[in-house]
Protein backbone atom coordinates (compact mmCIF):
# COMPACT_ATOMS: atom_id res chain seq x y z
CA UNK A 1 -15.14 84.13 -79.57
CA UNK A 2 -15.05 81.37 -81.59
CA UNK A 3 -13.00 78.88 -81.42
CA UNK A 4 -11.74 79.11 -85.19
CA UNK A 5 -10.85 83.23 -84.91
CA UNK A 6 -7.99 83.87 -87.38
CA UNK A 7 -8.14 80.66 -88.88
CA UNK A 8 -8.92 80.37 -92.35
CA UNK A 9 -11.49 77.51 -93.69
CA UNK A 10 -11.42 76.57 -97.67
CA UNK A 11 -14.64 74.97 -97.86
CA UNK A 12 -14.90 73.11 -101.27
CA UNK A 13 -18.75 72.80 -102.43
CA UNK A 14 -20.25 75.73 -101.11
CA UNK A 15 -22.70 76.94 -104.09
CA UNK A 16 -25.43 74.91 -102.63
CA UNK A 17 -26.04 71.40 -100.09
CA UNK A 18 -24.30 70.55 -97.52
CA UNK A 19 -21.39 72.74 -97.70
CA UNK A 20 -23.53 75.53 -97.26
CA UNK A 21 -24.33 75.06 -93.74
CA UNK A 22 -20.53 73.59 -92.87
CA UNK A 23 -19.28 77.03 -94.39
CA UNK A 24 -21.64 79.29 -92.12
CA UNK A 25 -20.95 76.70 -88.91
CA UNK A 26 -17.83 77.22 -88.73
CA UNK A 27 -17.91 81.04 -89.80
CA UNK A 28 -20.39 81.20 -86.79
CA UNK A 29 -16.97 80.04 -84.96
CA UNK A 30 -15.18 82.19 -86.32
CA UNK A 31 -13.57 80.72 -89.19
CA UNK A 32 -12.77 82.91 -92.48
CA UNK A 33 -14.34 81.07 -94.90
CA UNK A 34 -13.00 80.99 -98.53
CA UNK A 35 -15.88 79.65 -100.48
CA UNK A 36 -15.06 77.37 -103.63
CA UNK A 37 -17.35 76.12 -106.30
CA UNK A 38 -17.54 76.51 -110.02
CA UNK A 39 -21.13 78.30 -109.63
CA UNK A 40 -20.16 82.21 -108.67
CA UNK A 41 -24.30 83.20 -108.17
CA UNK A 42 -24.11 80.16 -105.20
CA UNK A 43 -20.97 81.37 -103.97
CA UNK A 44 -21.85 84.60 -103.46
CA UNK A 45 -25.28 83.77 -102.26
CA UNK A 46 -23.52 81.28 -99.28
CA UNK A 47 -21.00 84.42 -98.81
CA UNK A 48 -23.56 87.06 -98.09
CA UNK A 49 -25.25 84.73 -95.83
CA UNK A 50 -22.03 84.50 -93.86
CA UNK A 51 -21.73 88.47 -93.66
CA UNK A 52 -25.13 89.33 -92.80
CA UNK A 53 -24.28 86.78 -89.97
CA UNK A 54 -20.99 89.00 -88.78
CA UNK A 55 -18.84 86.42 -90.15
CA UNK A 56 -15.82 86.88 -93.12
CA UNK A 57 -16.09 85.14 -96.64
CA UNK A 58 -14.56 85.23 -99.48
CA UNK A 59 -16.18 83.54 -103.01
CA UNK A 60 -13.80 81.80 -105.32
CA UNK A 61 -15.20 80.46 -108.32
CA UNK A 62 -13.21 77.47 -109.55
CA UNK A 63 -13.79 74.26 -111.18
CA UNK A 64 -12.08 71.68 -109.14
CA UNK A 65 -12.06 68.91 -111.75
CA UNK A 66 -9.26 70.81 -113.18
CA UNK A 67 -6.77 69.09 -110.98
CA UNK A 68 -3.70 70.76 -112.88
CA UNK A 69 -4.98 74.10 -111.70
CA UNK A 70 -5.50 73.42 -107.88
CA UNK A 71 -2.15 74.47 -107.41
CA UNK A 72 -2.72 78.06 -108.88
CA UNK A 73 -5.55 78.12 -106.75
CA UNK A 74 -4.27 77.92 -103.66
CA UNK A 75 -1.41 80.45 -104.89
CA UNK A 76 -4.45 82.71 -105.34
CA UNK A 77 -6.09 81.81 -101.69
CA UNK A 78 -2.53 82.76 -99.70
CA UNK A 79 -2.44 86.11 -101.70
CA UNK A 80 -6.35 86.77 -101.04
CA UNK A 81 -6.72 86.04 -97.30
CA UNK A 82 -3.46 84.16 -96.58
CA UNK A 83 -2.49 80.19 -95.83
CA UNK A 84 -5.38 77.78 -95.04
CA UNK A 85 -5.94 76.26 -91.66
CA UNK A 86 -8.85 73.97 -92.09
CA UNK A 87 -9.27 72.23 -95.30
CA UNK A 88 -12.91 70.95 -95.70
CA UNK A 89 -12.99 68.60 -98.72
CA UNK A 90 -17.23 68.78 -99.53
CA UNK A 91 -17.36 68.95 -102.93
CA UNK A 92 -18.61 65.44 -105.18
CA UNK A 93 -20.59 64.30 -107.81
CA UNK A 94 -22.32 60.86 -108.51
CA UNK A 95 -24.43 59.44 -111.16
CA UNK A 96 -26.79 56.17 -110.60
CA UNK A 97 -26.14 54.10 -113.18
CA UNK A 98 -26.28 50.43 -113.95
CA UNK A 99 -22.64 50.02 -114.51
CA UNK A 100 -22.53 48.75 -117.68
CA UNK A 101 -24.33 51.85 -118.92
CA UNK A 102 -21.50 54.50 -117.43
CA UNK A 103 -19.52 56.43 -120.07
CA UNK A 104 -16.04 57.00 -120.05
CA UNK A 105 -16.32 60.46 -119.17
CA UNK A 106 -18.59 59.76 -116.30
CA UNK A 107 -16.55 57.12 -114.46
CA UNK A 108 -13.64 60.09 -114.73
CA UNK A 109 -15.33 62.91 -113.74
CA UNK A 110 -16.74 61.16 -110.69
CA UNK A 111 -13.20 59.67 -109.55
CA UNK A 112 -11.59 63.16 -110.19
CA UNK A 113 -13.61 65.47 -108.34
CA UNK A 114 -14.95 63.07 -105.33
CA UNK A 115 -11.36 61.58 -105.11
CA UNK A 116 -7.97 63.27 -107.39
CA UNK A 117 -9.37 66.78 -106.09
CA UNK A 118 -9.12 66.25 -102.41
CA UNK A 119 -6.21 64.74 -102.56
CA UNK A 120 -4.21 67.80 -104.48
CA UNK A 121 -5.72 70.42 -102.38
CA UNK A 122 -4.49 68.18 -99.55
CA UNK A 123 -1.30 68.33 -101.17
CA UNK A 124 -0.64 71.62 -101.55
CA UNK A 125 -1.92 73.06 -98.20
CA UNK A 126 -0.50 70.24 -96.25
CA UNK A 127 3.15 71.65 -96.25
CA UNK A 128 2.48 74.93 -94.90
CA UNK A 129 0.43 72.97 -92.17
CA UNK A 130 2.98 71.41 -91.43
CA UNK A 131 5.87 74.29 -91.14
CA UNK A 132 3.28 76.76 -88.73
CA UNK A 133 2.54 73.23 -86.89
CA UNK A 134 -1.81 73.44 -87.33
CA UNK A 135 -3.96 71.84 -89.58
CA UNK A 136 -7.03 70.08 -89.84
CA UNK A 137 -8.22 68.29 -93.22
CA UNK A 138 -12.18 67.37 -93.08
CA UNK A 139 -13.00 65.11 -95.60
CA UNK A 140 -16.96 64.61 -96.49
CA UNK A 141 -17.10 60.72 -97.66
CA UNK A 142 -20.36 58.71 -96.82
CA UNK A 143 -21.56 55.99 -95.61
CA UNK A 144 -21.25 54.02 -98.97
CA UNK A 145 -17.88 54.76 -98.72
CA UNK A 146 -18.16 51.61 -95.85
CA UNK A 147 -20.92 49.66 -97.45
CA UNK A 148 -21.02 50.39 -101.27
CA UNK A 149 -24.24 51.02 -102.45
CA UNK A 150 -25.80 49.43 -105.59
CA UNK A 151 -26.68 51.41 -109.17
CA UNK A 152 -23.74 54.36 -107.81
CA UNK A 153 -21.21 51.92 -107.34
CA UNK A 154 -18.49 54.39 -108.55
CA UNK A 155 -19.45 57.00 -106.35
CA UNK A 156 -18.85 54.23 -103.45
CA UNK A 157 -15.27 53.66 -105.01
CA UNK A 158 -14.58 57.40 -104.83
CA UNK A 159 -16.18 57.43 -101.27
CA UNK A 160 -13.94 54.25 -99.98
CA UNK A 161 -10.63 55.83 -102.21
CA UNK A 162 -11.43 58.90 -99.59
CA UNK A 163 -11.97 57.17 -96.67
CA UNK A 164 -8.68 55.01 -97.10
CA UNK A 165 -6.25 57.24 -98.15
CA UNK A 166 -7.63 59.69 -95.01
CA UNK A 167 -6.65 56.10 -92.92
CA UNK A 168 -3.46 56.46 -94.02
CA UNK A 169 -2.78 60.21 -94.17
CA UNK A 170 -4.05 60.00 -90.36
CA UNK A 171 -1.39 57.49 -89.22
CA UNK A 172 1.03 59.35 -91.35
CA UNK A 173 0.58 62.61 -89.58
CA UNK A 174 0.71 61.12 -85.95
CA UNK A 175 3.06 63.25 -83.79
CA UNK A 176 2.27 66.53 -85.30
CA UNK A 177 -0.10 68.95 -85.04
CA UNK A 178 -2.08 68.29 -88.10
CA UNK A 179 -5.14 66.40 -88.40
CA UNK A 180 -7.63 64.72 -90.59
CA UNK A 181 -11.35 63.40 -89.92
CA UNK A 182 -13.80 61.85 -92.31
CA UNK A 183 -17.34 62.21 -91.59
CA UNK A 184 -19.49 59.71 -93.17
CA UNK A 185 -23.30 61.20 -93.35
CA UNK A 186 -25.88 58.72 -94.71
CA UNK A 187 -29.29 59.96 -96.17
CA UNK A 188 -29.55 63.88 -95.90
CA UNK A 189 -32.72 65.27 -95.76
CA UNK A 190 -33.38 69.20 -96.43
CA UNK A 191 -30.49 70.20 -98.93
CA UNK A 192 -27.95 68.42 -100.98
CA UNK A 193 -28.05 65.53 -104.04
CA UNK A 194 -30.89 62.92 -101.72
CA UNK A 195 -33.18 65.64 -100.52
CA UNK A 196 -33.62 66.78 -104.44
CA UNK A 197 -34.14 63.53 -105.57
CA UNK A 198 -37.68 64.34 -104.16
CA UNK A 199 -37.66 60.15 -102.41
CA UNK A 200 -37.92 58.97 -98.99
CA UNK A 201 -35.48 56.84 -97.39
CA UNK A 202 -35.96 53.95 -96.03
CA UNK A 203 -38.03 53.93 -92.44
CA UNK A 204 -35.25 51.78 -90.69
CA UNK A 205 -32.26 53.76 -91.46
CA UNK A 206 -34.21 57.51 -91.87
CA UNK A 207 -32.54 60.90 -92.54
CA UNK A 208 -30.36 63.60 -90.81
CA UNK A 209 -30.29 66.84 -91.41
CA UNK A 210 -27.50 68.84 -93.26
CA UNK A 211 -26.93 71.05 -89.91
CA UNK A 212 -25.90 67.85 -88.28
CA UNK A 213 -23.50 67.11 -91.22
CA UNK A 214 -22.17 70.82 -90.49
CA UNK A 215 -21.70 70.03 -86.63
CA UNK A 216 -20.09 66.82 -86.70
CA UNK A 217 -17.41 68.77 -88.85
CA UNK A 218 -16.73 71.64 -85.99
CA UNK A 219 -16.70 68.46 -83.97
CA UNK A 220 -14.23 66.29 -85.37
CA UNK A 221 -11.74 69.29 -85.84
CA UNK A 222 -12.48 70.57 -81.89
CA UNK A 223 -11.88 67.04 -80.58
CA UNK A 224 -9.68 65.88 -83.74
CA UNK A 225 -11.95 62.66 -84.28
CA UNK A 226 -11.32 60.39 -86.75
CA UNK A 227 -14.84 59.20 -88.15
CA UNK A 228 -17.86 60.65 -87.35
CA UNK A 229 -20.88 58.65 -88.75
CA UNK A 230 -24.31 61.17 -89.19
CA UNK A 231 -27.08 58.68 -89.30
CA UNK A 232 -30.08 57.93 -87.59
CA UNK A 233 -30.58 54.31 -88.14
CA UNK A 234 -28.90 50.90 -87.20
CA UNK A 235 -25.49 51.84 -88.81
CA UNK A 236 -22.67 50.72 -86.95
CA UNK A 237 -23.98 47.01 -86.01
CA UNK A 238 -24.84 46.52 -90.24
CA UNK A 239 -21.02 47.71 -90.89
CA UNK A 240 -19.97 45.43 -87.99
CA UNK A 241 -21.79 42.39 -89.75
CA UNK A 242 -20.46 43.41 -93.03
CA UNK A 243 -16.85 42.99 -92.03
CA UNK A 244 -17.95 39.00 -90.84
CA UNK A 245 -20.10 38.30 -93.48
CA UNK A 246 -20.10 40.50 -96.58
CA UNK A 247 -23.13 38.33 -98.22
CA UNK A 248 -25.24 38.62 -95.10
CA UNK A 249 -24.63 42.68 -95.31
CA UNK A 250 -26.20 42.14 -98.39
CA UNK A 251 -29.26 40.40 -97.77
CA UNK A 252 -29.83 43.43 -94.68
CA UNK A 253 -28.85 46.20 -97.21
CA UNK A 254 -32.10 44.62 -99.59
CA UNK A 255 -34.16 44.01 -96.64
CA UNK A 256 -33.63 47.89 -95.23
CA UNK A 257 -34.83 48.93 -98.97
CA UNK A 258 -31.77 50.38 -100.16
CA UNK A 259 -31.36 48.46 -103.30
CA UNK A 260 -34.68 49.33 -104.35
CA UNK A 261 -34.65 52.74 -103.60
CA UNK A 262 -31.13 53.16 -105.57
CA UNK A 263 -32.98 51.40 -108.64
CA UNK A 264 -35.59 54.15 -108.77
CA UNK A 265 -32.75 56.83 -108.79
CA UNK A 266 -31.38 55.11 -112.10
CA UNK A 267 -30.79 57.90 -114.53
CA UNK A 268 -30.75 56.73 -118.14
CA UNK A 269 -27.40 57.50 -119.96
CA UNK A 270 -27.68 60.61 -122.03
């Protein structure tokens, strides 16, 4: 019997990419999945795959940028399947730009989906978790939340915000049976935005597979891990150096090829 039998897991960003792997992995461990994303076709495909594997899944199309309606989403989920026990904040967007080329709407949409939506979802499900004395929130951040990525500065800011908010909330929840974890992937192959770019990751950093991220999520929940880095490269020493000397870390990032790669991903403003 799976660890999460009887638990309801709401997973955002499940119409494609890493979110599908997370949802399917949790379902294999017994969780009932509530799949949330804007695209109904992708959600239906994910749920169908889960059901074929013997799991339970429900598709709920919803635009998480409509943050003033998230409370209605949570009420809908409560009525449909019951209260949320596990919340996976995975949905996110980013735009590679020279910073001066971002529009106001792009700034707003990135921060809203990547940071405000997870905070609002958590605000709506947390009281029930505390009342039932069990719950786990997992935020999918990024290594760019630890060391910012040039030409992707707005996403980096949102991921750093997600990390720091999680840090504070983890301390706030100490002594309860509700936990919060952050997963920090680097470059991910096979699925997701980096994979879709068709570019190769810097050789010194390499890539991880989306299933690695999904398994990190399960590990974080089972073992109450605060943070898990998912990366093949020498990331922890780089992050430690960055705390001691940010500008030297900048030099290392350039040497690794991160800046060159990010520049290749810059999109012209439309």
